[in-house]
Every structure is written in C-alpha cells, then in structure tokens.
Amino acid sequence: MHPATFAVTRLTLTDFRNYGHMRLEPSRPLVALAGANGAGKTNLLEAVSLLVPGRGLRGAEFSALARQGGPGQWAVAAHVVTPTGDMQVGTAWQPGEDGEAASTRSVMIDGLTQRSAGALTGLLRMVWLTPAMDRLFQGAPGDRRRFLDRMVMLFDAEHASRVNAFEKLMRERNALLSENNPDGAWLASLEVQMAESAVAVAAARLAAVGILARHVALSEHHGPFPWAALSITGAMEDLVMQHPAVEAEDIYRRDLARGRAADRAAGRALAGPHRSDLHVVHGPKAMPAELCSTGEQKALLIGLILAQARAAKSLFGASPMLLLDEIAAHLDPARRTALFGLLETLGSQVFMTGTEVSLFDGAGASTVVYLVDGGQLSESR
C-alpha cells in the first residue's frame, strides 16, 4: 500500500451481520467484492465504515448489526495505515447490563479503550457511495444536507461534533419551549450556544464547498464523469457570507429569541443550519442535477465523489479510502473501465461491490476480486 494514503490492511469481523468470523487482508489497493444479493458484500463495506465516527454507511442501529442466531453482540477490528503511522483500531457493541440495547459502541485504539467513538475522528478519511444515494438530487433536503456534512467531514474532521452540538442544543431548546413557563435565562443561554454552533457549522460548509470549487476549477473538465458546481441555499450560510462570525452569531441569537413563540407552535426551530440545502448543477450542461436523466445523475454523483477524493488528496497529500457499493451496476463497459482507471490513478484504497465477477473485467492489476457467498470470502483473481 502506498504510504501516502489511508487504508485497512487487515479486517476482522466477529458476529457482524451475516459474518460469524471473517478475516480479510487485501493484497491490492482496489478490492472488488462480487456475489449475489444478500451474500454480505455491503455488510463488509458497512463494517469498514464503522472505523470512523457515526453509524456507518447505512445509519443502522447498533443492535441491528449483531448476527442473527449469534450471541447478540458484534466486533470489528482492523490494522490501519495512515500517513502518520500504523495502528490497531477496534469497535464493538453489546447489550446493556439490563438487556436493553445500548446506544453507544466501544472503541479501542492500539489496545487502549477510548471514551467514545469520537476518538476515531480524523484517524481515517473516507468517502462512500451507496445505491440509496442514487436519488440524492431528487430526494429530501435532509438527505443532501447529510451528504454535504459528510463531505465537510472529509476536509474538516471536527465538523460532526459541531453538527451534533447544534442538534443537541436545539433539542434542549425545543423541550424547554414546550413547557408552560420556560426559564427565560436558560433559553437565552441555549440560544447563545446554538448561535455559536450554527455559525461554525455554516462556515465549515461554505469552506468545504469552496475547497471543492477551487479543485474543480483547476481540474480537467472532460471525461466520462461530469464535474459539478455546488452551492448552499440557506439563510444561515447567507448570514455567514454577509457578516463577520461574531456579528452573525448575534443576529441569529436575536432571531431565535424573537422566534420563540413561532418555534413553540411549530414544535421545532424554524431557522438554522438544519434548514439548509445543497444545490448541485451538472457543470458541462449547466443544468440543475434534479432535471438531469437518471444516468446523468449517477455519473454526476460518481464525478462528485471522485472530485472530493482528489481534492482531499491535494489538500492533505494523502488519498482517502473509498467505499463504492454496487458501483458498476448501471455503468456501461466503457464507463466501468474508465472508472477503474481513474481509481488506480487516484491511489486510494477502494472497496467496491457488484453482483457479478464480470463487472470487474475492465479492472487492472491493482484490483483483487473476491467472491462473497454466505459470509465467506474466496479470492477469484
């Protein structure tokens, strides 16, 4: 594995999804997993995605990851390579002492138990693409917002903690507003903190979109996967663009105070970074992504993922990992071969899945193909 990259060189799963016990030591940087639906391909990608903070690429409850018929707990362990050195990383989940499903998972790094999964922040940089994202441009704003925030996390590992802090404060304020006689001083304190978090979230989003835009401007605009122009539509981001941070915080805090009655009636905060949306334009056609054909949207999404990875490599000098679920399913042979070539050039470790081995015929010598069947892996080529 190239030293200037992020990679998993050994992965061990225990009672995870349909894997009782499985160990994988990829011999090449591009890892293709081929098998029928339900064989466990996406499960393996999901396990890798749990080596960063959050709930992984499916966003599933941790209790749902335990193997059916197993002991009711699971573990994922990995030897990872980073530009700053190798380390052993593990994460696991088990029910609470009372038998109830625990909401958190445990994490160990180099044999030391960590306080929370937040300790994984910044250890690995990772981007993923799943079939659920195919409707991103026509789906709900929340889906695009989550996609945006994952992109921001690629460039700014602390972004998730800011988003979580804002959402926690917002929930506390919502609960307080629902009371008959809410404490005004407590509300004011929460709104001050919300304003600080909101401005930080919006500023990080704008910075990430700026990084990607500068990368796109310097890159070649031809190829099988079109470039995208991104912008954020949201009052919070507009506020941050128009005012210094401290002034933007003060304006938003005053808006929250004035909007208490309306927010109480609505049962939620009506203004803030949780209302923003990501707007994507198909660059070569100058057409909003939601108006493009299904094939164009898929190509645009792949191009956007590749652009993120290239921008991160340019920014940090190291290639992020890519998890590409069912990536080859809807691409013609020429585009599949072009994609494999782009992935080799990128220099990232890539885990990708497909239902047939033949889908990876256009992949070069940097690709190892595994057959996946019933939670078992065997090398095909």
Protein backbone atom coordinates (compact mmCIF):
# COMPACT_ATOMS: atom_id res chain seq x y z
CA MET A 1 0.00 0.00 0.00
CA HIS A 2 1.27 3.45 -0.88
CA PRO A 3 2.42 5.25 2.32
CA ALA A 4 0.61 8.49 1.42
CA THR A 5 -2.83 7.01 1.84
CA PHE A 6 -5.38 5.79 4.34
CA ALA A 7 -6.02 2.05 4.20
CA VAL A 8 -7.12 -1.06 6.03
CA THR A 9 -4.55 -3.85 5.64
CA ARG A 10 -6.34 -6.36 7.87
CA LEU A 11 -10.04 -6.50 8.76
CA THR A 12 -11.59 -8.93 11.23
CA LEU A 13 -15.33 -9.28 11.80
CA THR A 14 -16.90 -11.19 14.68
CA ASP A 15 -20.65 -11.87 14.74
CA PHE A 16 -21.22 -8.87 12.48
CA ARG A 17 -24.32 -9.07 10.25
CA ASN A 18 -24.01 -12.42 8.42
CA TYR A 19 -20.34 -12.94 9.34
CA GLY A 20 -19.61 -15.27 12.24
CA HIS A 21 -15.88 -14.78 11.92
CA MET A 22 -14.07 -13.37 8.90
CA ARG A 23 -10.59 -12.02 8.29
CA LEU A 24 -9.60 -10.11 5.16
CA GLU A 25 -6.10 -8.97 4.27
CA PRO A 26 -6.35 -7.18 0.91
CA SER A 27 -3.35 -7.85 -1.31
CA ARG A 28 -4.01 -4.92 -3.66
CA PRO A 29 -5.40 -1.39 -3.22
CA LEU A 30 -8.59 -1.93 -5.24
CA VAL A 31 -10.77 -4.55 -3.57
CA ALA A 32 -13.75 -5.86 -5.57
CA LEU A 33 -16.39 -7.95 -3.81
CA ALA A 34 -18.62 -9.99 -6.14
CA GLY A 35 -21.64 -12.03 -5.12
CA ALA A 36 -25.39 -12.38 -5.19
CA ASN A 37 -27.67 -10.01 -3.36
CA GLY A 38 -27.69 -10.91 0.33
CA ALA A 39 -24.25 -12.55 0.22
CA GLY A 40 -22.74 -9.96 2.58
CA LYS A 41 -20.89 -7.57 0.28
CA THR A 42 -22.43 -4.38 1.65
CA ASN A 43 -22.11 -5.74 5.18
CA LEU A 44 -18.34 -5.78 4.76
CA LEU A 45 -18.33 -2.18 3.49
CA GLU A 46 -20.53 -1.23 6.44
CA ALA A 47 -18.00 -2.74 8.85
CA VAL A 48 -15.21 -0.66 7.30
CA SER A 49 -17.37 2.46 7.56
CA LEU A 50 -17.59 1.96 11.34
CA LEU A 51 -13.88 2.75 11.61
CA VAL A 52 -14.89 6.42 11.53
CA PRO A 53 -17.36 8.14 13.91
CA GLY A 54 -21.08 7.73 13.36
CA ARG A 55 -23.41 4.87 12.50
CA GLY A 56 -21.78 3.80 9.27
CA LEU A 57 -22.92 3.95 5.68
CA ARG A 58 -26.36 2.50 6.41
CA GLY A 59 -27.01 4.55 9.54
CA ALA A 60 -28.35 1.42 11.27
CA GLU A 61 -28.96 0.95 14.96
CA PHE A 62 -26.00 -0.84 16.52
CA SER A 63 -28.24 -3.65 17.81
CA ALA A 64 -29.23 -4.43 14.20
CA LEU A 65 -25.62 -5.23 13.30
CA ALA A 66 -25.42 -8.32 15.52
CA ARG A 67 -25.50 -11.63 13.67
CA GLN A 68 -28.85 -13.40 13.64
CA GLY A 69 -28.55 -16.51 15.79
CA GLY A 70 -25.33 -15.22 17.33
CA PRO A 71 -24.56 -14.10 20.90
CA GLY A 72 -26.23 -10.72 20.35
CA GLN A 73 -23.04 -8.66 20.16
CA TRP A 74 -20.50 -7.80 17.47
CA ALA A 75 -16.95 -6.58 16.94
CA VAL A 76 -14.90 -5.09 14.10
CA ALA A 77 -11.10 -4.91 14.31
CA ALA A 78 -8.61 -3.54 11.82
CA HIS A 79 -4.97 -2.80 11.23
CA VAL A 80 -4.98 0.58 9.55
CA VAL A 81 -2.33 2.52 7.67
CA THR A 82 -2.25 6.30 7.80
CA PRO A 83 0.30 8.90 6.66
CA THR A 84 1.27 9.37 10.31
CA GLY A 85 1.71 5.70 11.12
CA ASP A 86 0.02 2.34 11.54
CA MET A 87 -2.39 1.48 14.34
CA GLN A 88 -4.79 -1.15 15.62
CA VAL A 89 -8.39 0.01 15.74
CA GLY A 90 -11.36 -1.88 17.11
CA THR A 91 -15.01 -1.15 17.75
CA ALA A 92 -17.66 -3.34 19.35
CA TRP A 93 -21.18 -3.34 20.72
CA GLN A 94 -23.05 -5.42 23.25
CA PRO A 95 -26.38 -5.06 25.03
CA GLY A 96 -26.51 -3.14 28.30
CA GLU A 97 -26.47 -4.91 31.64
CA ASP A 98 -30.25 -4.74 31.85
CA GLY A 99 -30.58 -6.39 28.45
CA GLU A 100 -31.66 -3.19 26.77
CA ALA A 101 -29.99 -2.14 23.53
CA ALA A 102 -27.05 0.15 24.25
CA SER A 103 -26.98 3.32 22.16
CA THR A 104 -23.19 3.60 22.01
CA ARG A 105 -20.35 1.38 20.90
CA SER A 106 -16.95 0.87 22.47
CA VAL A 107 -13.72 1.81 20.70
CA MET A 108 -10.13 0.72 21.23
CA ILE A 109 -7.03 2.22 19.61
CA ASP A 110 -3.70 0.41 19.99
CA GLY A 111 -5.13 -1.60 22.87
CA LEU A 112 -6.42 1.39 24.84
CA THR A 113 -10.14 1.81 25.50
CA GLN A 114 -11.40 5.21 24.36
CA ARG A 115 -14.06 7.35 25.99
CA SER A 116 -16.26 7.39 22.90
CA ALA A 117 -16.35 6.80 19.16
CA GLY A 118 -15.30 10.42 18.82
CA ALA A 119 -11.73 9.15 19.32
CA LEU A 120 -11.91 7.86 15.75
CA THR A 121 -12.21 11.43 14.44
CA GLY A 122 -9.52 12.13 11.88
CA LEU A 123 -7.81 8.72 12.09
CA LEU A 124 -9.11 7.63 8.70
CA ARG A 125 -10.53 9.77 5.92
CA MET A 126 -13.25 8.01 4.00
CA VAL A 127 -15.86 8.66 1.30
CA TRP A 128 -18.70 6.34 0.36
CA LEU A 129 -21.32 5.95 -2.30
CA THR A 130 -24.33 3.66 -1.93
CA PRO A 131 -27.39 2.86 -4.08
CA ALA A 132 -29.55 4.73 -1.56
CA MET A 133 -27.81 7.91 -2.70
CA ASP A 134 -28.91 7.49 -6.33
CA ARG A 135 -31.99 9.63 -5.64
CA LEU A 136 -29.97 12.26 -3.81
CA PHE A 137 -30.75 15.11 -6.19
CA GLN A 138 -34.49 14.47 -6.18
CA GLY A 139 -34.87 13.36 -2.58
CA ALA A 140 -35.48 15.28 0.63
CA PRO A 141 -33.25 18.24 1.58
CA GLY A 142 -32.16 16.33 4.68
CA ASP A 143 -30.51 13.69 2.50
CA ARG A 144 -28.50 16.30 0.63
CA ARG A 145 -27.64 18.04 3.89
CA ARG A 146 -26.24 14.80 5.32
CA PHE A 147 -24.28 14.26 2.10
CA LEU A 148 -22.92 17.79 2.40
CA ASP A 149 -21.92 17.30 6.02
CA ARG A 150 -20.11 14.05 5.22
CA MET A 151 -18.21 15.93 2.51
CA VAL A 152 -17.30 18.63 5.04
CA MET A 153 -16.06 15.93 7.44
CA LEU A 154 -13.65 14.72 4.76
CA PHE A 155 -11.92 18.10 4.85
CA ASP A 156 -12.68 19.06 8.48
CA ALA A 157 -12.82 16.09 10.84
CA GLU A 158 -14.32 18.16 13.69
CA HIS A 159 -17.41 19.12 11.70
CA ALA A 160 -19.53 16.23 13.00
CA SER A 161 -19.03 17.36 16.60
CA ARG A 162 -20.29 20.84 15.69
CA VAL A 163 -23.37 19.47 13.94
CA ASN A 164 -24.09 17.15 16.88
CA ALA A 165 -23.63 20.01 19.36
CA PHE A 166 -26.09 22.22 17.48
CA GLU A 167 -28.69 19.45 17.20
CA LYS A 168 -28.39 18.61 20.91
CA LEU A 169 -28.83 22.26 21.89
CA MET A 170 -31.79 22.58 19.51
CA ARG A 171 -33.49 19.54 21.09
CA GLU A 172 -32.97 21.00 24.56
CA ARG A 173 -34.46 24.31 23.46
CA ASN A 174 -37.43 22.57 21.82
CA ALA A 175 -38.10 20.67 25.03
CA LEU A 176 -37.82 23.83 27.13
CA LEU A 177 -40.17 25.76 24.84
CA SER A 178 -42.78 23.04 25.22
CA GLU A 179 -43.06 23.76 28.94
CA ASN A 180 -45.80 26.05 30.28
CA ASN A 181 -43.39 28.53 31.85
CA PRO A 182 -39.94 28.03 30.35
CA ASP A 183 -36.97 29.54 32.13
CA GLY A 184 -36.02 32.66 30.12
CA ALA A 185 -32.43 32.71 31.33
CA TRP A 186 -31.94 29.08 30.39
CA LEU A 187 -33.45 29.71 26.95
CA ALA A 188 -31.15 32.67 26.42
CA SER A 189 -28.12 30.56 27.38
CA LEU A 190 -29.11 27.79 24.99
CA GLU A 191 -29.64 30.32 22.18
CA VAL A 192 -26.19 31.81 22.69
CA GLN A 193 -24.65 28.35 22.36
CA MET A 194 -26.86 27.48 19.39
CA ALA A 195 -25.73 30.63 17.62
CA GLU A 196 -22.07 29.77 18.14
CA SER A 197 -22.55 26.22 16.85
CA ALA A 198 -24.76 27.29 13.95
CA VAL A 199 -22.26 29.81 12.62
CA ALA A 200 -19.42 27.28 12.96
CA VAL A 201 -21.44 24.67 11.04
CA ALA A 202 -22.36 27.09 8.25
CA ALA A 203 -18.80 28.41 7.96
CA ALA A 204 -17.38 24.89 7.69
CA ARG A 205 -19.89 24.00 4.97
CA LEU A 206 -19.02 27.09 2.96
CA ALA A 207 -15.30 26.40 3.35
CA ALA A 208 -15.69 22.82 2.10
CA VAL A 209 -17.74 23.87 -0.92
CA GLY A 210 -15.05 26.47 -1.63
CA ILE A 211 -12.30 23.85 -1.47
CA LEU A 212 -14.14 21.62 -3.92
CA ALA A 213 -14.92 24.54 -6.24
CA ARG A 214 -11.25 25.57 -6.37
CA HIS A 215 -10.23 21.98 -7.09
CA VAL A 216 -12.79 21.67 -9.90
CA ALA A 217 -11.62 24.98 -11.39
CA LEU A 218 -8.06 23.64 -11.63
CA SER A 219 -9.01 20.19 -12.92
CA GLU A 220 -9.66 18.87 -16.37
CA HIS A 221 -13.36 19.10 -17.22
CA HIS A 222 -13.51 16.26 -19.71
CA GLY A 223 -14.04 12.58 -19.10
CA PRO A 224 -16.85 10.09 -18.53
CA PHE A 225 -17.96 11.62 -15.22
CA PRO A 226 -19.04 15.27 -15.35
CA TRP A 227 -17.93 17.95 -12.94
CA ALA A 228 -20.43 19.56 -10.60
CA ALA A 229 -20.99 23.11 -9.42
CA LEU A 230 -22.12 23.21 -5.79
CA SER A 231 -23.82 25.90 -3.74
CA ILE A 232 -25.68 26.01 -0.44
CA THR A 233 -29.13 27.51 -0.19
CA GLY A 234 -29.78 28.53 3.37
CA ALA A 235 -30.35 31.65 5.44
CA MET A 236 -27.63 30.59 7.87
CA GLU A 237 -24.98 30.32 5.18
CA ASP A 238 -26.15 33.62 3.66
CA LEU A 239 -25.74 35.24 7.07
CA VAL A 240 -22.20 33.92 7.45
CA MET A 241 -21.23 35.13 3.98
CA GLN A 242 -22.55 38.62 4.67
CA HIS A 243 -21.29 39.24 8.22
CA PRO A 244 -18.28 38.56 10.44
CA ALA A 245 -18.75 35.47 12.64
CA VAL A 246 -19.41 37.35 15.89
CA GLU A 247 -21.97 39.59 14.22
CA ALA A 248 -23.65 36.61 12.53
CA GLU A 249 -23.91 34.86 15.89
CA ASP A 250 -25.56 37.90 17.44
CA ILE A 251 -28.07 38.25 14.59
CA TYR A 252 -29.06 34.59 14.75
CA ARG A 253 -29.31 34.68 18.56
CA ARG A 254 -31.72 37.62 18.32
CA ASP A 255 -33.72 35.81 15.64
CA LEU A 256 -34.05 32.78 17.91
CA ALA A 257 -35.23 34.95 20.80
CA ARG A 258 -37.82 36.68 18.63
CA GLY A 259 -38.97 33.40 17.15
CA ARG A 260 -39.70 31.54 20.38
CA ALA A 261 -43.48 31.72 20.02
CA ALA A 262 -43.45 30.51 16.42
CA ASP A 263 -40.94 27.78 17.21
CA ARG A 264 -43.02 26.62 20.16
CA ALA A 265 -46.14 26.43 17.97
CA ALA A 266 -44.23 24.52 15.28
CA GLY A 267 -42.54 22.23 17.80
CA ARG A 268 -39.15 22.89 16.21
CA ALA A 269 -36.71 25.66 15.37
CA LEU A 270 -37.80 27.26 12.10
CA ALA A 271 -34.42 28.80 11.30
CA GLY A 272 -30.88 27.49 11.39
CA PRO A 273 -28.34 25.32 9.57
CA HIS A 274 -30.71 22.34 9.86
CA ARG A 275 -32.88 24.02 7.20
CA SER A 276 -30.16 24.44 4.57
CA ASP A 277 -29.98 22.54 1.29
CA LEU A 278 -27.24 21.58 -1.16
CA HIS A 279 -27.78 22.67 -4.76
CA VAL A 280 -25.90 20.79 -7.46
CA VAL A 281 -25.56 21.74 -11.13
CA HIS A 282 -24.34 19.47 -13.93
CA GLY A 283 -21.36 21.61 -14.95
CA PRO A 284 -20.93 20.75 -18.65
CA LYS A 285 -24.66 21.14 -19.32
CA ALA A 286 -25.28 23.99 -16.86
CA MET A 287 -28.38 22.10 -15.76
CA PRO A 288 -29.70 21.57 -12.21
CA ALA A 289 -28.94 17.99 -11.21
CA GLU A 290 -32.57 17.23 -10.38
CA LEU A 291 -33.51 17.89 -14.02
CA CYS A 292 -30.89 15.53 -15.45
CA SER A 293 -31.64 12.00 -16.57
CA THR A 294 -31.13 9.08 -14.20
CA GLY A 295 -27.93 8.09 -16.00
CA GLU A 296 -26.61 11.64 -15.90
CA GLN A 297 -27.36 11.89 -12.19
CA LYS A 298 -25.47 8.67 -11.49
CA ALA A 299 -22.47 9.85 -13.49
CA LEU A 300 -22.63 13.25 -11.80
CA LEU A 301 -22.69 11.63 -8.36
CA ILE A 302 -19.69 9.45 -9.18
CA GLY A 303 -17.87 12.50 -10.54
CA LEU A 304 -18.66 14.37 -7.33
CA ILE A 305 -17.31 11.55 -5.15
CA LEU A 306 -14.12 11.35 -7.23
CA ALA A 307 -13.70 15.14 -7.06
CA GLN A 308 -13.98 15.03 -3.27
CA ALA A 309 -11.33 12.34 -3.08
CA ARG A 310 -8.97 14.21 -5.41
CA ALA A 311 -9.49 17.46 -3.50
CA ALA A 312 -8.75 15.73 -0.19
CA LYS A 313 -5.60 14.16 -1.64
CA SER A 314 -4.48 17.57 -2.88
CA LEU A 315 -5.25 19.19 0.47
CA PHE A 316 -3.69 16.57 2.77
CA GLY A 317 -1.21 14.84 0.49
CA ALA A 318 -2.93 11.52 1.18
CA SER A 319 -5.69 9.65 -0.62
CA PRO A 320 -8.88 8.92 1.35
CA MET A 321 -10.50 5.50 1.33
CA LEU A 322 -13.48 4.94 -0.98
CA LEU A 323 -16.39 2.59 -0.32
CA LEU A 324 -18.38 2.16 -3.54
CA ASP A 325 -21.42 -0.09 -3.15
CA GLU A 326 -22.86 -1.56 -6.39
CA ILE A 327 -20.77 0.99 -8.26
CA ALA A 328 -20.66 -0.88 -11.56
CA ALA A 329 -24.30 -1.96 -11.77
CA HIS A 330 -25.60 0.81 -14.03
CA LEU A 331 -22.45 1.71 -15.97
CA ASP A 332 -21.72 0.54 -19.49
CA PRO A 333 -18.43 -1.39 -20.03
CA ALA A 334 -16.57 1.69 -21.32
CA ARG A 335 -17.51 3.79 -18.29
CA ARG A 336 -16.68 0.92 -15.90
CA THR A 337 -13.22 0.56 -17.42
CA ALA A 338 -12.71 4.33 -17.28
CA LEU A 339 -13.77 4.36 -13.62
CA PHE A 340 -11.30 1.61 -12.69
CA GLY A 341 -8.54 3.57 -14.41
CA LEU A 342 -9.43 6.75 -12.52
CA LEU A 343 -9.43 4.84 -9.22
CA GLU A 344 -5.97 3.43 -9.94
CA THR A 345 -4.67 6.91 -10.76
CA LEU A 346 -6.19 8.32 -7.59
CA GLY A 347 -4.12 5.96 -5.46
CA SER A 348 -6.82 5.34 -2.86
CA GLN A 349 -7.71 2.06 -1.25
CA VAL A 350 -11.12 1.24 -2.70
CA PHE A 351 -13.70 -1.32 -1.60
CA MET A 352 -16.34 -1.85 -4.29
CA THR A 353 -19.13 -4.34 -4.81
CA GLY A 354 -21.00 -5.92 -7.71
CA THR A 355 -23.26 -8.90 -8.30
CA GLU A 356 -21.05 -10.48 -10.99
CA VAL A 357 -17.31 -11.03 -11.32
CA SER A 358 -17.59 -9.96 -14.95
CA LEU A 359 -18.46 -6.42 -13.83
CA PHE A 360 -14.80 -6.04 -12.87
CA ASP A 361 -13.32 -7.41 -16.12
CA GLY A 362 -12.07 -3.94 -17.04
CA ALA A 363 -10.12 -3.55 -13.79
CA GLY A 364 -6.33 -3.66 -13.96
CA ALA A 365 -3.60 -5.37 -11.99
CA SER A 366 -4.24 -3.14 -8.96
CA THR A 367 -7.55 -4.94 -8.34
CA VAL A 368 -8.16 -8.11 -6.35
CA VAL A 369 -11.57 -9.75 -6.76
CA TYR A 370 -13.20 -11.77 -4.00
CA LEU A 371 -16.24 -13.99 -4.32
CA VAL A 372 -18.63 -13.45 -1.40
CA ASP A 373 -21.07 -16.21 -0.52
CA GLY A 374 -22.93 -16.63 2.76
CA GLY A 375 -20.49 -14.61 4.81
CA GLN A 376 -17.43 -16.36 3.32
CA LEU A 377 -14.79 -14.84 1.02
CA SER A 378 -12.60 -16.55 -1.58
CA GLU A 379 -10.17 -14.85 -3.94
CA SER A 380 -11.21 -15.04 -7.58
CA ARG A 381 -8.31 -13.18 -9.16
